[in-house]
Amino acid sequence: MLSAIYIKGFKTFARPVRMPLSGGVTAIVGPNGSGKSNITDAVLFALGEGSPSLLRAGLMNDLIFSGSNSLPPAGVAEVTLVLDNAEGRISLPYEEVSLTRRISRGGETEYRINGARARLTDVR
């Protein structure tokens, strides 16, 4: 079960955001333009989605926060999904598994599982 999402530099999330999720149904509400859909895009991104159009972007670089009047552009976009593995559904010897994807302005993509470098195949 997804227990938390960390987002930093991804689309409208200039500052680091931690969203803890507990059991049951979680709803994200807010006015139009507040970034609700960007959370869904962040989850898809972390899981390895490679099509910018499916992430509602023209290019992968468009996923990186581009700056505002008060904040400079981010150098990387990073999303981490934290999964509760207490029941052992994921074949790793950890009670909690974190999946992270980072993309830099230079186009380099990096995946990590519990902090260790991984391949997209490993994430999937």
C-alpha atoms as a PDB file:
ATOM      1  CA  MET A   1       0.000   0.000   0.000  1.00  0.00           C
ATOM      2  CA  LEU A   2       1.213   3.502  -0.822  1.00  0.00           C
ATOM      3  CA  SER A   3       1.990   5.177   2.519  1.00  0.00           C
ATOM      4  CA  ALA A   4       3.614   8.474   1.464  1.00  0.00           C
ATOM      5  CA  ILE A   5       4.613  10.589  -1.512  1.00  0.00           C
ATOM      6  CA  TYR A   6       7.546  13.013  -1.530  1.00  0.00           C
ATOM      7  CA  ILE A   7       7.711  15.534  -4.366  1.00  0.00           C
ATOM      8  CA  LYS A   8      10.439  18.101  -5.001  1.00  0.00           C
ATOM      9  CA  GLY A   9      10.956  20.255  -8.092  1.00  0.00           C
ATOM     10  CA  PHE A  10       8.272  18.409 -10.044  1.00  0.00           C
ATOM     11  CA  LYS A  11       5.939  20.633 -12.067  1.00  0.00           C
ATOM     12  CA  THR A  12       4.315  23.065  -9.596  1.00  0.00           C
ATOM     13  CA  PHE A  13       6.025  21.596  -6.518  1.00  0.00           C
ATOM     14  CA  ALA A  14       8.977  23.954  -6.174  1.00  0.00           C
ATOM     15  CA  ARG A  15       9.509  23.265  -2.489  1.00  0.00           C
ATOM     16  CA  PRO A  16       9.688  19.747  -1.037  1.00  0.00           C
ATOM     17  CA  VAL A  17       6.270  18.329  -0.156  1.00  0.00           C
ATOM     18  CA  ARG A  18       5.571  15.243   1.934  1.00  0.00           C
ATOM     19  CA  MET A  19       2.110  13.721   1.702  1.00  0.00           C
ATOM     20  CA  PRO A  20       1.534  10.951   4.226  1.00  0.00           C
ATOM     21  CA  LEU A  21      -1.269   8.582   3.250  1.00  0.00           C
ATOM     22  CA  SER A  22      -3.052   6.299   5.673  1.00  0.00           C
ATOM     23  CA  GLY A  23      -5.285   3.301   5.105  1.00  0.00           C
ATOM     24  CA  GLY A  24      -8.635   3.763   3.465  1.00  0.00           C
ATOM     25  CA  VAL A  25      -9.593   6.258   0.815  1.00  0.00           C
ATOM     26  CA  THR A  26      -7.528   9.394   0.280  1.00  0.00           C
ATOM     27  CA  ALA A  27      -9.001  12.322  -1.618  1.00  0.00           C
ATOM     28  CA  ILE A  28      -7.140  15.359  -2.859  1.00  0.00           C
ATOM     29  CA  VAL A  29      -9.338  18.414  -3.187  1.00  0.00           C
ATOM     30  CA  GLY A  30      -8.682  22.001  -4.157  1.00  0.00           C
ATOM     31  CA  PRO A  31      -9.590  24.689  -6.640  1.00  0.00           C
ATOM     32  CA  ASN A  32      -8.813  24.489 -10.341  1.00  0.00           C
ATOM     33  CA  GLY A  33      -5.145  25.121 -10.999  1.00  0.00           C
ATOM     34  CA  SER A  34      -3.975  24.074  -7.535  1.00  0.00           C
ATOM     35  CA  GLY A  35      -1.921  21.088  -8.778  1.00  0.00           C
ATOM     36  CA  LYS A  36      -4.187  18.142  -7.954  1.00  0.00           C
ATOM     37  CA  SER A  37      -3.486  16.437 -11.287  1.00  0.00           C
ATOM     38  CA  ASN A  38       0.234  16.987 -10.803  1.00  0.00           C
ATOM     39  CA  ILE A  39       0.137  14.519  -7.903  1.00  0.00           C
ATOM     40  CA  THR A  40      -1.200  11.819 -10.209  1.00  0.00           C
ATOM     41  CA  ASP A  41       1.443  12.752 -12.773  1.00  0.00           C
ATOM     42  CA  ALA A  42       4.108  12.491 -10.052  1.00  0.00           C
ATOM     43  CA  VAL A  43       3.045   8.934  -9.192  1.00  0.00           C
ATOM     44  CA  LEU A  44       3.104   7.914 -12.866  1.00  0.00           C
ATOM     45  CA  PHE A  45       6.514   9.579 -13.275  1.00  0.00           C
ATOM     46  CA  ALA A  46       7.981   7.721 -10.288  1.00  0.00           C
ATOM     47  CA  LEU A  47       6.696   4.420 -11.666  1.00  0.00           C
ATOM     48  CA  GLY A  48       8.594   5.001 -14.911  1.00  0.00           C
ATOM     49  CA  GLU A  49       6.166   6.642 -17.324  1.00  0.00           C
ATOM     50  CA  GLY A  50       8.274   7.762 -20.272  1.00  0.00           C
ATOM     51  CA  SER A  51       5.747   9.618 -22.413  1.00  0.00           C
ATOM     52  CA  PRO A  52       5.723  13.373 -21.725  1.00  0.00           C
ATOM     53  CA  SER A  53       2.246  13.664 -23.229  1.00  0.00           C
ATOM     54  CA  LEU A  54       0.832  11.143 -20.720  1.00  0.00           C
ATOM     55  CA  LEU A  55       2.377  13.308 -17.987  1.00  0.00           C
ATOM     56  CA  ARG A  56       0.732  16.376 -19.545  1.00  0.00           C
ATOM     57  CA  ALA A  57       4.025  17.896 -20.706  1.00  0.00           C
ATOM     58  CA  GLY A  58       5.575  18.726 -24.053  1.00  0.00           C
ATOM     59  CA  LEU A  59       9.044  17.451 -23.147  1.00  0.00           C
ATOM     60  CA  MET A  60      10.418  15.621 -20.111  1.00  0.00           C
ATOM     61  CA  ASN A  61      12.246  18.843 -19.124  1.00  0.00           C
ATOM     62  CA  ASP A  62       8.821  20.480 -18.751  1.00  0.00           C
ATOM     63  CA  LEU A  63       8.325  18.305 -15.660  1.00  0.00           C
ATOM     64  CA  ILE A  64      11.008  20.249 -13.785  1.00  0.00           C
ATOM     65  CA  PHE A  65       9.785  23.358 -11.923  1.00  0.00           C
ATOM     66  CA  SER A  66      10.556  26.246 -14.260  1.00  0.00           C
ATOM     67  CA  GLY A  67      10.670  29.044 -11.703  1.00  0.00           C
ATOM     68  CA  SER A  68       8.379  31.870 -10.688  1.00  0.00           C
ATOM     69  CA  ASN A  69       8.608  35.508  -9.661  1.00  0.00           C
ATOM     70  CA  SER A  70       9.723  34.484  -6.173  1.00  0.00           C
ATOM     71  CA  LEU A  71      11.439  31.114  -6.737  1.00  0.00           C
ATOM     72  CA  PRO A  72      14.283  30.111  -9.062  1.00  0.00           C
ATOM     73  CA  PRO A  73      13.954  27.155 -11.446  1.00  0.00           C
ATOM     74  CA  ALA A  74      14.738  23.725 -10.016  1.00  0.00           C
ATOM     75  CA  GLY A  75      17.679  21.771 -11.366  1.00  0.00           C
ATOM     76  CA  VAL A  76      16.005  18.405 -10.930  1.00  0.00           C
ATOM     77  CA  ALA A  77      12.568  16.921 -10.387  1.00  0.00           C
ATOM     78  CA  GLU A  78      12.351  14.136  -7.826  1.00  0.00           C
ATOM     79  CA  VAL A  79       9.446  11.966  -6.730  1.00  0.00           C
ATOM     80  CA  THR A  80       9.589   9.242  -4.086  1.00  0.00           C
ATOM     81  CA  LEU A  81       6.817   6.773  -3.413  1.00  0.00           C
ATOM     82  CA  VAL A  82       6.939   5.010  -0.051  1.00  0.00           C
ATOM     83  CA  LEU A  83       5.259   1.615  -0.001  1.00  0.00           C
ATOM     84  CA  ASP A  84       4.287  -0.317   3.112  1.00  0.00           C
ATOM     85  CA  ASN A  85       5.730  -3.805   2.724  1.00  0.00           C
ATOM     86  CA  ALA A  86       4.945  -5.151   6.207  1.00  0.00           C
ATOM     87  CA  GLU A  87       3.018  -8.047   4.633  1.00  0.00           C
ATOM     88  CA  GLY A  88       5.914  -8.878   2.276  1.00  0.00           C
ATOM     89  CA  ARG A  89       4.037  -8.387  -0.987  1.00  0.00           C
ATOM     90  CA  ILE A  90       7.162  -6.893  -2.561  1.00  0.00           C
ATOM     91  CA  SER A  91       9.977  -9.432  -2.766  1.00  0.00           C
ATOM     92  CA  LEU A  92      12.442  -7.300  -0.807  1.00  0.00           C
ATOM     93  CA  PRO A  93      13.445  -7.853   2.832  1.00  0.00           C
ATOM     94  CA  TYR A  94      12.195  -4.435   3.984  1.00  0.00           C
ATOM     95  CA  GLU A  95       9.004  -3.432   5.775  1.00  0.00           C
ATOM     96  CA  GLU A  96       9.032  -0.175   3.839  1.00  0.00           C
ATOM     97  CA  VAL A  97      10.167   0.261   0.239  1.00  0.00           C
ATOM     98  CA  SER A  98      10.870   3.623  -1.359  1.00  0.00           C
ATOM     99  CA  LEU A  99      10.911   4.098  -5.125  1.00  0.00           C
ATOM    100  CA  THR A 100      12.545   7.302  -6.335  1.00  0.00           C
ATOM    101  CA  ARG A 101      12.922   8.800  -9.782  1.00  0.00           C
ATOM    102  CA  ARG A 102      14.944  11.911 -10.547  1.00  0.00           C
ATOM    103  CA  ILE A 103      15.332  13.744 -13.809  1.00  0.00           C
ATOM    104  CA  SER A 104      17.820  16.554 -14.383  1.00  0.00           C
ATOM    105  CA  ARG A 105      17.705  19.453 -16.808  1.00  0.00           C
ATOM    106  CA  GLY A 106      20.390  17.636 -18.794  1.00  0.00           C
ATOM    107  CA  GLY A 107      17.938  14.788 -19.357  1.00  0.00           C
ATOM    108  CA  GLU A 108      19.560  12.195 -17.089  1.00  0.00           C
ATOM    109  CA  THR A 109      17.059   9.956 -15.329  1.00  0.00           C
ATOM    110  CA  GLU A 110      17.922   8.035 -12.203  1.00  0.00           C
ATOM    111  CA  TYR A 111      15.917   5.420 -10.321  1.00  0.00           C
ATOM    112  CA  ARG A 112      16.517   4.339  -6.735  1.00  0.00           C
ATOM    113  CA  ILE A 113      15.027   1.653  -4.547  1.00  0.00           C
ATOM    114  CA  ASN A 114      15.572   2.350  -0.842  1.00  0.00           C
ATOM    115  CA  GLY A 115      18.344   4.749  -1.835  1.00  0.00           C
ATOM    116  CA  ALA A 116      20.299   2.286  -3.986  1.00  0.00           C
ATOM    117  CA  ARG A 117      20.582   2.936  -7.711  1.00  0.00           C
ATOM    118  CA  ALA A 118      18.237   0.791  -9.745  1.00  0.00           C
ATOM    119  CA  ARG A 119      17.027   0.246 -13.279  1.00  0.00           C
ATOM    120  CA  LEU A 120      13.513   0.879 -14.526  1.00  0.00           C
ATOM    121  CA  THR A 121      13.182  -2.892 -14.879  1.00  0.00           C
ATOM    122  CA  ASP A 122      13.868  -3.231 -11.143  1.00  0.00           C
ATOM    123  CA  VAL A 123      11.214  -0.630 -10.320  1.00  0.00           C
ATOM    124  CA  ARG A 124       8.625  -2.358 -12.462  1.00  0.00           C
END
